[in-house]
Amino acid sequence: MTTQTRAARLGQIVLYGLGAGLGTGLLCVLVGALLAGGLTRAGVATALGWGGLILTFLAGAIIYSQNGQSQSESGMRARLGEGYRAPGLPWAPILTALIGAGILFLGQFALN
C-alpha cells in the first residue's frame, strides 16, 4: 500500500468532483431534453441548475446523516457510561459533491 500525499488526495477529490458534475449534468440534460422534446440553450441551463441543486442537496444529506449517526452513537455509549468522541465529517464525498455542483452552476451561469 502506497502513501498518498495531501496534494494527490486533493487532486483526486477535484477529479472525482469534475466527474460527478459532468455525469450529473449529462444525465440532467438528457432527462430535460426527453421531457421537453428537444434541446435548447435555456433547457440546458435549467437542467444544469437542477443538477447543481441535486449535488448540493446530496452534500447536505451526507452532513445530516453523519451528524445523526454521531448523536445516536454518543447517546448509546452515554447510557453505557462510556466516553465517545464522534468522528469528523467525511470531507471527501462532501467536497466531491460541492465541486460537482459548482461546475454545474458555472455552466448554467455561462449559458445564461
PDB file of N, CA and C in Angstrom:
ATOM      1  N   MET A   1       0.850  -1.170   0.000  1.00  0.00           N
ATOM      2  CA  MET A   1       0.000   0.000   0.000  1.00  0.00           C
ATOM      3  C   MET A   1       0.900   1.239   0.000  1.00  0.00           C
ATOM      4  N   THR A   2       0.627   2.152  -0.906  1.00  0.00           N
ATOM      5  CA  THR A   2       1.448   3.354  -1.005  1.00  0.00           C
ATOM      6  C   THR A   2       0.808   4.490  -0.231  1.00  0.00           C
ATOM      7  N   THR A   3       1.652   5.385   0.221  1.00  0.00           N
ATOM      8  CA  THR A   3       1.184   6.556   0.940  1.00  0.00           C
ATOM      9  C   THR A   3       0.797   7.632  -0.062  1.00  0.00           C
ATOM     10  N   GLN A   4      -0.321   8.265   0.188  1.00  0.00           N
ATOM     11  CA  GLN A   4      -0.813   9.297  -0.719  1.00  0.00           C
ATOM     12  C   GLN A   4      -0.572  10.665  -0.084  1.00  0.00           C
ATOM     13  N   THR A   5       0.016  11.570  -0.850  1.00  0.00           N
ATOM     14  CA  THR A   5       0.258  12.903  -0.326  1.00  0.00           C
ATOM     15  C   THR A   5      -1.039  13.697  -0.286  1.00  0.00           C
ATOM     16  N   ARG A   6      -1.014  14.769   0.461  1.00  0.00           N
ATOM     17  CA  ARG A   6      -2.194  15.617   0.596  1.00  0.00           C
ATOM     18  C   ARG A   6      -2.578  16.238  -0.747  1.00  0.00           C
ATOM     19  N   ALA A   7      -1.592  16.654  -1.520  1.00  0.00           N
ATOM     20  CA  ALA A   7      -1.866  17.256  -2.830  1.00  0.00           C
ATOM     21  C   ALA A   7      -2.465  16.232  -3.785  1.00  0.00           C
ATOM     22  N   ALA A   8      -1.961  14.986  -3.724  1.00  0.00           N
ATOM     23  CA  ALA A   8      -2.516  13.940  -4.588  1.00  0.00           C
ATOM     24  C   ALA A   8      -3.956  13.630  -4.199  1.00  0.00           C
ATOM     25  N   ARG A   9      -4.239  13.601  -2.904  1.00  0.00           N
ATOM     26  CA  ARG A   9      -5.611  13.335  -2.447  1.00  0.00           C
ATOM     27  C   ARG A   9      -6.546  14.470  -2.863  1.00  0.00           C
ATOM     28  N   LEU A  10      -6.091  15.702  -2.731  1.00  0.00           N
ATOM     29  CA  LEU A  10      -6.896  16.845  -3.144  1.00  0.00           C
ATOM     30  C   LEU A  10      -7.144  16.820  -4.650  1.00  0.00           C
ATOM     31  N   GLY A  11      -6.130  16.477  -5.422  1.00  0.00           N
ATOM     32  CA  GLY A  11      -6.296  16.340  -6.860  1.00  0.00           C
ATOM     33  C   GLY A  11      -7.292  15.261  -7.214  1.00  0.00           C
ATOM     34  N   GLN A  12      -7.266  14.158  -6.468  1.00  0.00           N
ATOM     35  CA  GLN A  12      -8.216  13.073  -6.690  1.00  0.00           C
ATOM     36  C   GLN A  12      -9.642  13.527  -6.381  1.00  0.00           C
ATOM     37  N   ILE A  13      -9.830  14.279  -5.305  1.00  0.00           N
ATOM     38  CA  ILE A  13     -11.154  14.788  -4.945  1.00  0.00           C
ATOM     39  C   ILE A  13     -11.666  15.742  -6.019  1.00  0.00           C
ATOM     40  N   VAL A  14     -10.786  16.616  -6.518  1.00  0.00           N
ATOM     41  CA  VAL A  14     -11.188  17.550  -7.578  1.00  0.00           C
ATOM     42  C   VAL A  14     -11.557  16.787  -8.851  1.00  0.00           C
ATOM     43  N   LEU A  15     -10.782  15.768  -9.180  1.00  0.00           N
ATOM     44  CA  LEU A  15     -11.076  14.955 -10.362  1.00  0.00           C
ATOM     45  C   LEU A  15     -12.409  14.228 -10.215  1.00  0.00           C
ATOM     46  N   TYR A  16     -12.664  13.656  -9.044  1.00  0.00           N
ATOM     47  CA  TYR A  16     -13.944  12.998  -8.797  1.00  0.00           C
ATOM     48  C   TYR A  16     -15.091  14.006  -8.821  1.00  0.00           C
ATOM     49  N   GLY A  17     -14.856  15.210  -8.306  1.00  0.00           N
ATOM     50  CA  GLY A  17     -15.878  16.254  -8.349  1.00  0.00           C
ATOM     51  C   GLY A  17     -16.204  16.652  -9.776  1.00  0.00           C
ATOM     52  N   LEU A  18     -15.174  16.754 -10.604  1.00  0.00           N
ATOM     53  CA  LEU A  18     -15.382  17.052 -12.020  1.00  0.00           C
ATOM     54  C   LEU A  18     -16.204  15.947 -12.688  1.00  0.00           C
ATOM     55  N   GLY A  19     -15.861  14.720 -12.389  1.00  0.00           N
ATOM     56  CA  GLY A  19     -16.616  13.594 -12.940  1.00  0.00           C
ATOM     57  C   GLY A  19     -18.052  13.563 -12.456  1.00  0.00           C
ATOM     58  N   ALA A  20     -18.252  13.843 -11.162  1.00  0.00           N
ATOM     59  CA  ALA A  20     -19.620  13.872 -10.622  1.00  0.00           C
ATOM     60  C   ALA A  20     -20.428  14.989 -11.266  1.00  0.00           C
ATOM     61  N   GLY A  21     -19.814  16.148 -11.454  1.00  0.00           N
ATOM     62  CA  GLY A  21     -20.506  17.267 -12.080  1.00  0.00           C
ATOM     63  C   GLY A  21     -20.861  16.984 -13.521  1.00  0.00           C
ATOM     64  N   LEU A  22     -19.904  16.453 -14.274  1.00  0.00           N
ATOM     65  CA  LEU A  22     -20.167  16.168 -15.684  1.00  0.00           C
ATOM     66  C   LEU A  22     -21.183  15.045 -15.856  1.00  0.00           C
ATOM     67  N   GLY A  23     -21.071  14.017 -15.034  1.00  0.00           N
ATOM     68  CA  GLY A  23     -22.023  12.908 -15.123  1.00  0.00           C
ATOM     69  C   GLY A  23     -23.437  13.334 -14.749  1.00  0.00           C
ATOM     70  N   THR A  24     -23.563  14.063 -13.659  1.00  0.00           N
ATOM     71  CA  THR A  24     -24.876  14.537 -13.234  1.00  0.00           C
ATOM     72  C   THR A  24     -25.438  15.533 -14.239  1.00  0.00           C
ATOM     73  N   GLY A  25     -24.581  16.408 -14.753  1.00  0.00           N
ATOM     74  CA  GLY A  25     -25.027  17.381 -15.743  1.00  0.00           C
ATOM     75  C   GLY A  25     -25.521  16.703 -17.006  1.00  0.00           C
ATOM     76  N   LEU A  26     -24.795  15.709 -17.474  1.00  0.00           N
ATOM     77  CA  LEU A  26     -25.203  14.984 -18.673  1.00  0.00           C
ATOM     78  C   LEU A  26     -26.537  14.272 -18.459  1.00  0.00           C
ATOM     79  N   LEU A  27     -26.686  13.635 -17.309  1.00  0.00           N
ATOM     80  CA  LEU A  27     -27.931  12.943 -17.004  1.00  0.00           C
ATOM     81  C   LEU A  27     -29.101  13.926 -16.932  1.00  0.00           C
ATOM     82  N   CYS A  28     -28.896  15.062 -16.281  1.00  0.00           N
ATOM     83  CA  CYS A  28     -29.973  16.052 -16.165  1.00  0.00           C
ATOM     84  C   CYS A  28     -30.321  16.665 -17.517  1.00  0.00           C
ATOM     85  N   VAL A  29     -29.320  16.909 -18.355  1.00  0.00           N
ATOM     86  CA  VAL A  29     -29.590  17.449 -19.696  1.00  0.00           C
ATOM     87  C   VAL A  29     -30.361  16.435 -20.529  1.00  0.00           C
ATOM     88  N   LEU A  30     -30.001  15.161 -20.450  1.00  0.00           N
ATOM     89  CA  LEU A  30     -30.728  14.129 -21.189  1.00  0.00           C
ATOM     90  C   LEU A  30     -32.179  14.012 -20.726  1.00  0.00           C
ATOM     91  N   VAL A  31     -32.390  14.027 -19.426  1.00  0.00           N
ATOM     92  CA  VAL A  31     -33.757  13.954 -18.897  1.00  0.00           C
ATOM     93  C   VAL A  31     -34.545  15.195 -19.305  1.00  0.00           C
ATOM     94  N   GLY A  32     -33.918  16.366 -19.207  1.00  0.00           N
ATOM     95  CA  GLY A  32     -34.585  17.603 -19.611  1.00  0.00           C
ATOM     96  C   GLY A  32     -34.939  17.607 -21.091  1.00  0.00           C
ATOM     97  N   ALA A  33     -34.045  17.091 -21.924  1.00  0.00           N
ATOM     98  CA  ALA A  33     -34.311  17.037 -23.358  1.00  0.00           C
ATOM     99  C   ALA A  33     -35.446  16.064 -23.664  1.00  0.00           C
ATOM    100  N   LEU A  34     -35.489  14.949 -22.952  1.00  0.00           N
ATOM    101  CA  LEU A  34     -36.576  13.991 -23.158  1.00  0.00           C
ATOM    102  C   LEU A  34     -37.912  14.576 -22.720  1.00  0.00           C
ATOM    103  N   LEU A  35     -37.923  15.277 -21.598  1.00  0.00           N
ATOM    104  CA  LEU A  35     -39.178  15.842 -21.103  1.00  0.00           C
ATOM    105  C   LEU A  35     -39.655  17.016 -21.946  1.00  0.00           C
ATOM    106  N   ALA A  36     -38.733  17.814 -22.448  1.00  0.00           N
ATOM    107  CA  ALA A  36     -39.100  18.997 -23.227  1.00  0.00           C
ATOM    108  C   ALA A  36     -39.298  18.676 -24.700  1.00  0.00           C
ATOM    109  N   GLY A  37     -38.843  17.537 -25.143  1.00  0.00           N
ATOM    110  CA  GLY A  37     -38.985  17.168 -26.530  1.00  0.00           C
ATOM    111  C   GLY A  37     -37.913  17.749 -27.426  1.00  0.00           C
ATOM    112  N   GLY A  38     -36.885  18.286 -26.861  1.00  0.00           N
ATOM    113  CA  GLY A  38     -35.796  18.852 -27.648  1.00  0.00           C
ATOM    114  C   GLY A  38     -34.762  19.499 -26.746  1.00  0.00           C
ATOM    115  N   LEU A  39     -33.697  19.958 -27.366  1.00  0.00           N
ATOM    116  CA  LEU A  39     -32.584  20.531 -26.626  1.00  0.00           C
ATOM    117  C   LEU A  39     -32.430  21.998 -27.003  1.00  0.00           C
ATOM    118  N   THR A  40     -32.614  22.879 -26.031  1.00  0.00           N
ATOM    119  CA  THR A  40     -32.425  24.306 -26.250  1.00  0.00           C
ATOM    120  C   THR A  40     -31.394  24.819 -25.255  1.00  0.00           C
ATOM    121  N   ARG A  41     -30.896  25.998 -25.525  1.00  0.00           N
ATOM    122  CA  ARG A  41     -29.906  26.598 -24.625  1.00  0.00           C
ATOM    123  C   ARG A  41     -30.507  26.851 -23.244  1.00  0.00           C
ATOM    124  N   ALA A  42     -31.722  27.366 -23.217  1.00  0.00           N
ATOM    125  CA  ALA A  42     -32.390  27.615 -21.930  1.00  0.00           C
ATOM    126  C   ALA A  42     -32.684  26.309 -21.205  1.00  0.00           C
ATOM    127  N   GLY A  43     -33.027  25.268 -21.959  1.00  0.00           N
ATOM    128  CA  GLY A  43     -33.285  23.972 -21.345  1.00  0.00           C
ATOM    129  C   GLY A  43     -32.039  23.362 -20.740  1.00  0.00           C
ATOM    130  N   VAL A  44     -30.922  23.526 -21.422  1.00  0.00           N
ATOM    131  CA  VAL A  44     -29.654  23.013 -20.889  1.00  0.00           C
ATOM    132  C   VAL A  44     -29.265  23.779 -19.626  1.00  0.00           C
ATOM    133  N   ALA A  45     -29.441  25.094 -19.637  1.00  0.00           N
ATOM    134  CA  ALA A  45     -29.119  25.904 -18.455  1.00  0.00           C
ATOM    135  C   ALA A  45     -29.988  25.494 -17.269  1.00  0.00           C
ATOM    136  N   THR A  46     -31.261  25.273 -17.517  1.00  0.00           N
ATOM    137  CA  THR A  46     -32.155  24.849 -16.443  1.00  0.00           C
ATOM    138  C   THR A  46     -31.752  23.473 -15.918  1.00  0.00           C
ATOM    139  N   ALA A  47     -31.420  22.564 -16.817  1.00  0.00           N
ATOM    140  CA  ALA A  47     -31.010  21.219 -16.404  1.00  0.00           C
ATOM    141  C   ALA A  47     -29.722  21.264 -15.578  1.00  0.00           C
ATOM    142  N   LEU A  48     -28.779  22.113 -15.973  1.00  0.00           N
ATOM    143  CA  LEU A  48     -27.542  22.233 -15.195  1.00  0.00           C
ATOM    144  C   LEU A  48     -27.827  22.813 -13.811  1.00  0.00           C
ATOM    145  N   GLY A  49     -28.769  23.742 -13.733  1.00  0.00           N
ATOM    146  CA  GLY A  49     -29.158  24.279 -12.429  1.00  0.00           C
ATOM    147  C   GLY A  49     -29.753  23.211 -11.531  1.00  0.00           C
ATOM    148  N   TRP A  50     -30.614  22.366 -12.108  1.00  0.00           N
ATOM    149  CA  TRP A  50     -31.191  21.276 -11.333  1.00  0.00           C
ATOM    150  C   TRP A  50     -30.129  20.272 -10.895  1.00  0.00           C
ATOM    151  N   GLY A  51     -29.184  19.987 -11.771  1.00  0.00           N
ATOM    152  CA  GLY A  51     -28.101  19.085 -11.408  1.00  0.00           C
ATOM    153  C   GLY A  51     -27.256  19.637 -10.266  1.00  0.00           C
ATOM    154  N   GLY A  52     -26.983  20.947 -10.315  1.00  0.00           N
ATOM    155  CA  GLY A  52     -26.247  21.577  -9.228  1.00  0.00           C
ATOM    156  C   GLY A  52     -27.001  21.507  -7.911  1.00  0.00           C
ATOM    157  N   LEU A  53     -28.319  21.713  -7.969  1.00  0.00           N
ATOM    158  CA  LEU A  53     -29.126  21.601  -6.750  1.00  0.00           C
ATOM    159  C   LEU A  53     -29.124  20.188  -6.200  1.00  0.00           C
ATOM    160  N   ILE A  54     -29.194  19.218  -7.085  1.00  0.00           N
ATOM    161  CA  ILE A  54     -29.183  17.813  -6.642  1.00  0.00           C
ATOM    162  C   ILE A  54     -27.880  17.500  -5.907  1.00  0.00           C
ATOM    163  N   LEU A  55     -26.756  17.928  -6.480  1.00  0.00           N
ATOM    164  CA  LEU A  55     -25.464  17.649  -5.823  1.00  0.00           C
ATOM    165  C   LEU A  55     -25.304  18.439  -4.527  1.00  0.00           C
ATOM    166  N   THR A  56     -25.845  19.661  -4.476  1.00  0.00           N
ATOM    167  CA  THR A  56     -25.786  20.443  -3.240  1.00  0.00           C
ATOM    168  C   THR A  56     -26.599  19.772  -2.141  1.00  0.00           C
ATOM    169  N   PHE A  57     -27.799  19.305  -2.495  1.00  0.00           N
ATOM    170  CA  PHE A  57     -28.613  18.593  -1.516  1.00  0.00           C
ATOM    171  C   PHE A  57     -27.962  17.282  -1.097  1.00  0.00           C
ATOM    172  N   LEU A  58     -27.258  16.630  -1.998  1.00  0.00           N
ATOM    173  CA  LEU A  58     -26.540  15.409  -1.655  1.00  0.00           C
ATOM    174  C   LEU A  58     -25.477  15.688  -0.595  1.00  0.00           C
ATOM    175  N   ALA A  59     -24.734  16.771  -0.774  1.00  0.00           N
ATOM    176  CA  ALA A  59     -23.722  17.131   0.227  1.00  0.00           C
ATOM    177  C   ALA A  59     -24.381  17.415   1.580  1.00  0.00           C
ATOM    178  N   GLY A  60     -25.509  18.106   1.566  1.00  0.00           N
ATOM    179  CA  GLY A  60     -26.237  18.366   2.811  1.00  0.00           C
ATOM    180  C   GLY A  60     -26.759  17.094   3.450  1.00  0.00           C
ATOM    181  N   ALA A  61     -27.216  16.160   2.639  1.00  0.00           N
ATOM    182  CA  ALA A  61     -27.712  14.892   3.173  1.00  0.00           C
ATOM    183  C   ALA A  61     -26.592  14.080   3.815  1.00  0.00           C
ATOM    184  N   ILE A  62     -25.405  14.145   3.230  1.00  0.00           N
ATOM    185  CA  ILE A  62     -24.261  13.445   3.827  1.00  0.00           C
ATOM    186  C   ILE A  62     -23.947  14.032   5.197  1.00  0.00           C
ATOM    187  N   ILE A  63     -23.935  15.351   5.294  1.00  0.00           N
ATOM    188  CA  ILE A  63     -23.658  16.018   6.571  1.00  0.00           C
ATOM    189  C   ILE A  63     -24.738  15.685   7.589  1.00  0.00           C
ATOM    190  N   TYR A  64     -26.000  15.778   7.183  1.00  0.00           N
ATOM    191  CA  TYR A  64     -27.120  15.492   8.081  1.00  0.00           C
ATOM    192  C   TYR A  64     -27.069  14.058   8.592  1.00  0.00           C
ATOM    193  N   SER A  65     -26.778  13.132   7.702  1.00  0.00           N
ATOM    194  CA  SER A  65     -26.702  11.727   8.072  1.00  0.00           C
ATOM    195  C   SER A  65     -25.565  11.467   9.059  1.00  0.00           C
ATOM    196  N   GLN A  66     -24.422  12.064   8.795  1.00  0.00           N
ATOM    197  CA  GLN A  66     -23.272  11.853   9.676  1.00  0.00           C
ATOM    198  C   GLN A  66     -23.531  12.428  11.070  1.00  0.00           C
ATOM    199  N   ASN A  67     -24.169  13.600  11.132  1.00  0.00           N
ATOM    200  CA  ASN A  67     -24.471  14.194  12.430  1.00  0.00           C
ATOM    201  C   ASN A  67     -25.480  13.350  13.195  1.00  0.00           C
ATOM    202  N   GLY A  68     -26.489  12.835  12.509  1.00  0.00           N
ATOM    203  CA  GLY A  68     -27.473  11.975  13.168  1.00  0.00           C
ATOM    204  C   GLY A  68     -26.851  10.691  13.676  1.00  0.00           C
ATOM    205  N   GLN A  69     -25.958  10.123  12.906  1.00  0.00           N
ATOM    206  CA  GLN A  69     -25.290   8.895  13.311  1.00  0.00           C
ATOM    207  C   GLN A  69     -24.395   9.150  14.521  1.00  0.00           C
ATOM    208  N   SER A  70     -23.705  10.282  14.549  1.00  0.00           N
ATOM    209  CA  SER A  70     -22.829  10.602  15.670  1.00  0.00           C
ATOM    210  C   SER A  70     -23.633  10.808  16.948  1.00  0.00           C
ATOM    211  N   GLN A  71     -24.773  11.481  16.835  1.00  0.00           N
ATOM    212  CA  GLN A  71     -25.621  11.705  18.006  1.00  0.00           C
ATOM    213  C   GLN A  71     -26.174  10.392  18.535  1.00  0.00           C
ATOM    214  N   SER A  72     -26.576   9.524  17.641  1.00  0.00           N
ATOM    215  CA  SER A  72     -27.108   8.231  18.048  1.00  0.00           C
ATOM    216  C   SER A  72     -26.037   7.400  18.759  1.00  0.00           C
ATOM    217  N   GLU A  73     -24.859   7.369  18.185  1.00  0.00           N
ATOM    218  CA  GLU A  73     -23.761   6.584  18.774  1.00  0.00           C
ATOM    219  C   GLU A  73     -23.353   7.136  20.135  1.00  0.00           C
ATOM    220  N   SER A  74     -23.249   8.450  20.241  1.00  0.00           N
ATOM    221  CA  SER A  74     -22.848   9.031  21.523  1.00  0.00           C
ATOM    222  C   SER A  74     -23.931   8.818  22.571  1.00  0.00           C
ATOM    223  N   GLY A  75     -25.198   8.851  22.174  1.00  0.00           N
ATOM    224  CA  GLY A  75     -26.286   8.583  23.124  1.00  0.00           C
ATOM    225  C   GLY A  75     -26.254   7.160  23.640  1.00  0.00           C
ATOM    226  N   MET A  76     -26.009   6.204  22.749  1.00  0.00           N
ATOM    227  CA  MET A  76     -25.940   4.808  23.174  1.00  0.00           C
ATOM    228  C   MET A  76     -24.751   4.572  24.094  1.00  0.00           C
ATOM    229  N   ARG A  77     -23.640   5.175  23.774  1.00  0.00           N
ATOM    230  CA  ARG A  77     -22.453   4.969  24.613  1.00  0.00           C
ATOM    231  C   ARG A  77     -22.590   5.680  25.951  1.00  0.00           C
ATOM    232  N   ALA A  78     -23.309   6.798  25.979  1.00  0.00           N
ATOM    233  CA  ALA A  78     -23.512   7.516  27.239  1.00  0.00           C
ATOM    234  C   ALA A  78     -24.342   6.666  28.199  1.00  0.00           C
ATOM    235  N   ARG A  79     -25.289   5.911  27.673  1.00  0.00           N
ATOM    236  CA  ARG A  79     -26.089   5.028  28.527  1.00  0.00           C
ATOM    237  C   ARG A  79     -25.240   3.939  29.161  1.00  0.00           C
ATOM    238  N   LEU A  80     -24.184   3.559  28.467  1.00  0.00           N
ATOM    239  CA  LEU A  80     -23.281   2.535  28.992  1.00  0.00           C
ATOM    240  C   LEU A  80     -22.187   3.122  29.880  1.00  0.00           C
ATOM    241  N   GLY A  81     -22.159   4.453  29.971  1.00  0.00           N
ATOM    242  CA  GLY A  81     -21.144   5.099  30.787  1.00  0.00           C
ATOM    243  C   GLY A  81     -19.804   5.221  30.103  1.00  0.00           C
ATOM    244  N   GLU A  82     -19.775   5.098  28.792  1.00  0.00           N
ATOM    245  CA  GLU A  82     -18.527   5.199  28.050  1.00  0.00           C
ATOM    246  C   GLU A  82     -18.403   6.583  27.437  1.00  0.00           C
ATOM    247  N   GLY A  83     -17.202   7.045  27.359  1.00  0.00           N
ATOM    248  CA  GLY A  83     -16.945   8.283  26.640  1.00  0.00           C
ATOM    249  C   GLY A  83     -16.841   7.986  25.153  1.00  0.00           C
ATOM    250  N   TYR A  84     -17.201   8.957  24.353  1.00  0.00           N
ATOM    251  CA  TYR A  84     -17.168   8.735  22.915  1.00  0.00           C
ATOM    252  C   TYR A  84     -16.861  10.039  22.216  1.00  0.00           C
ATOM    253  N   ARG A  85     -15.865  10.006  21.379  1.00  0.00           N
ATOM    254  CA  ARG A  85     -15.547  11.160  20.554  1.00  0.00           C
ATOM    255  C   ARG A  85     -16.021  10.865  19.140  1.00  0.00           C
ATOM    256  N   ALA A  86     -16.980  11.641  18.690  1.00  0.00           N
ATOM    257  CA  ALA A  86     -17.570  11.393  17.375  1.00  0.00           C
ATOM    258  C   ALA A  86     -16.539  11.636  16.280  1.00  0.00           C
ATOM    259  N   PRO A  87     -16.578  10.810  15.251  1.00  0.00           N
ATOM    260  CA  PRO A  87     -15.663  11.049  14.130  1.00  0.00           C
ATOM    261  C   PRO A  87     -16.062  12.325  13.394  1.00  0.00           C
ATOM    262  N   GLY A  88     -15.130  12.888  12.686  1.00  0.00           N
ATOM    263  CA  GLY A  88     -15.402  14.104  11.927  1.00  0.00           C
ATOM    264  C   GLY A  88     -16.243  13.812  10.692  1.00  0.00           C
ATOM    265  N   LEU A  89     -16.530  14.864   9.989  1.00  0.00           N
ATOM    266  CA  LEU A  89     -17.330  14.721   8.775  1.00  0.00           C
ATOM    267  C   LEU A  89     -16.510  14.059   7.674  1.00  0.00           C
ATOM    268  N   PRO A  90     -17.163  13.301   6.803  1.00  0.00           N
ATOM    269  CA  PRO A  90     -16.455  12.698   5.665  1.00  0.00           C
ATOM    270  C   PRO A  90     -16.263  13.753   4.565  1.00  0.00           C
ATOM    271  N   TRP A  91     -15.169  14.476   4.655  1.00  0.00           N
ATOM    272  CA  TRP A  91     -14.981  15.630   3.777  1.00  0.00           C
ATOM    273  C   TRP A  91     -14.820  15.278   2.311  1.00  0.00           C
ATOM    274  N   ALA A  92     -14.254  14.133   2.010  1.00  0.00           N
ATOM    275  CA  ALA A  92     -14.033  13.778   0.601  1.00  0.00           C
ATOM    276  C   ALA A  92     -15.340  13.696  -0.192  1.00  0.00           C
ATOM    277  N   PRO A  93     -16.363  12.961   0.271  1.00  0.00           N
ATOM    278  CA  PRO A  93     -17.606  12.937  -0.505  1.00  0.00           C
ATOM    279  C   PRO A  93     -18.341  14.272  -0.501  1.00  0.00           C
ATOM    280  N   ILE A  94     -18.243  15.012   0.599  1.00  0.00           N
ATOM    281  CA  ILE A  94     -18.899  16.323   0.667  1.00  0.00           C
ATOM    282  C   ILE A  94     -18.274  17.269  -0.338  1.00  0.00           C
ATOM    283  N   LEU A  95     -16.949  17.334  -0.354  1.00  0.00           N
ATOM    284  CA  LEU A  95     -16.270  18.221  -1.296  1.00  0.00           C
ATOM    285  C   LEU A  95     -16.461  17.776  -2.739  1.00  0.00           C
ATOM    286  N   THR A  96     -16.511  16.468  -2.956  1.00  0.00           N
ATOM    287  CA  THR A  96     -16.749  15.965  -4.312  1.00  0.00           C
ATOM    288  C   THR A  96     -18.095  16.458  -4.828  1.00  0.00           C
ATOM    289  N   ALA A  97     -19.133  16.331  -4.015  1.00  0.00           N
ATOM    290  CA  ALA A  97     -20.467  16.780  -4.429  1.00  0.00           C
ATOM    291  C   ALA A  97     -20.503  18.297  -4.623  1.00  0.00           C
ATOM    292  N   LEU A  98     -19.857  19.040  -3.740  1.00  0.00           N
ATOM    293  CA  LEU A  98     -19.883  20.504  -3.853  1.00  0.00           C
ATOM    294  C   LEU A  98     -19.068  21.001  -5.049  1.00  0.00           C
ATOM    295  N   ILE A  99     -17.968  20.351  -5.359  1.00  0.00           N
ATOM    296  CA  ILE A  99     -17.188  20.735  -6.543  1.00  0.00           C
ATOM    297  C   ILE A  99     -17.996  20.457  -7.803  1.00  0.00           C
ATOM    298  N   GLY A 100     -18.649  19.299  -7.849  1.00  0.00           N
ATOM    299  CA  GLY A 100     -19.510  18.982  -8.987  1.00  0.00           C
ATOM    300  C   GLY A 100     -20.639  19.984  -9.132  1.00  0.00           C
ATOM    301  N   ALA A 101     -21.253  20.376  -8.020  1.00  0.00           N
ATOM    302  CA  ALA A 101     -22.328  21.373  -8.063  1.00  0.00           C
ATOM    303  C   ALA A 101     -21.799  22.715  -8.547  1.00  0.00           C
ATOM    304  N   GLY A 102     -20.619  23.094  -8.095  1.00  0.00           N
ATOM    305  CA  GLY A 102     -20.030  24.358  -8.537  1.00  0.00           C
ATOM    306  C   GLY A 102     -19.772  24.379 -10.034  1.00  0.00           C
ATOM    307  N   ILE A 103     -19.328  23.259 -10.575  1.00  0.00           N
ATOM    308  CA  ILE A 103     -19.094  23.175 -12.020  1.00  0.00           C
ATOM    309  C   ILE A 103     -20.401  23.331 -12.784  1.00  0.00           C
ATOM    310  N   LEU A 104     -21.445  22.687 -12.288  1.00  0.00           N
ATOM    311  CA  LEU A 104     -22.740  22.795 -12.963  1.00  0.00           C
ATOM    312  C   LEU A 104     -23.304  24.207 -12.867  1.00  0.00           C
ATOM    313  N   PHE A 105     -23.148  24.845 -11.716  1.00  0.00           N
ATOM    314  CA  PHE A 105     -23.630  26.218 -11.577  1.00  0.00           C
ATOM    315  C   PHE A 105     -22.837  27.175 -12.476  1.00  0.00           C
ATOM    316  N   LEU A 106     -21.544  26.927 -12.626  1.00  0.00           N
ATOM    317  CA  LEU A 106     -20.754  27.745 -13.552  1.00  0.00           C
ATOM    318  C   LEU A 106     -21.209  27.548 -15.005  1.00  0.00           C
ATOM    319  N   GLY A 107     -21.533  26.307 -15.355  1.00  0.00           N
ATOM    320  CA  GLY A 107     -22.063  26.037 -16.680  1.00  0.00           C
ATOM    321  C   GLY A 107     -23.396  26.725 -16.915  1.00  0.00           C
ATOM    322  N   GLN A 108     -24.241  26.707 -15.906  1.00  0.00           N
ATOM    323  CA  GLN A 108     -25.528  27.396 -16.013  1.00  0.00           C
ATOM    324  C   GLN A 108     -25.321  28.899 -16.161  1.00  0.00           C
ATOM    325  N   PHE A 109     -24.403  29.449 -15.393  1.00  0.00           N
ATOM    326  CA  PHE A 109     -24.109  30.887 -15.472  1.00  0.00           C
ATOM    327  C   PHE A 109     -23.581  31.259 -16.855  1.00  0.00           C
ATOM    328  N   ALA A 110     -22.727  30.401 -17.413  1.00  0.00           N
ATOM    329  CA  ALA A 110     -22.161  30.686 -18.735  1.00  0.00           C
ATOM    330  C   ALA A 110     -23.230  30.634 -19.829  1.00  0.00           C
ATOM    331  N   LEU A 111     -24.239  29.793 -19.656  1.00  0.00           N
ATOM    332  CA  LEU A 111     -25.279  29.689 -20.671  1.00  0.00           C
ATOM    333  C   LEU A 111     -26.346  30.774 -20.562  1.00  0.00           C
ATOM    334  N   ASN A 112     -26.459  31.396 -19.412  1.00  0.00           N
ATOM    335  CA  ASN A 112     -27.475  32.447 -19.236  1.00  0.00           C
ATOM    336  C   ASN A 112     -26.947  33.777 -19.607  1.00  0.00           C
TER     337      ASN A 112
END
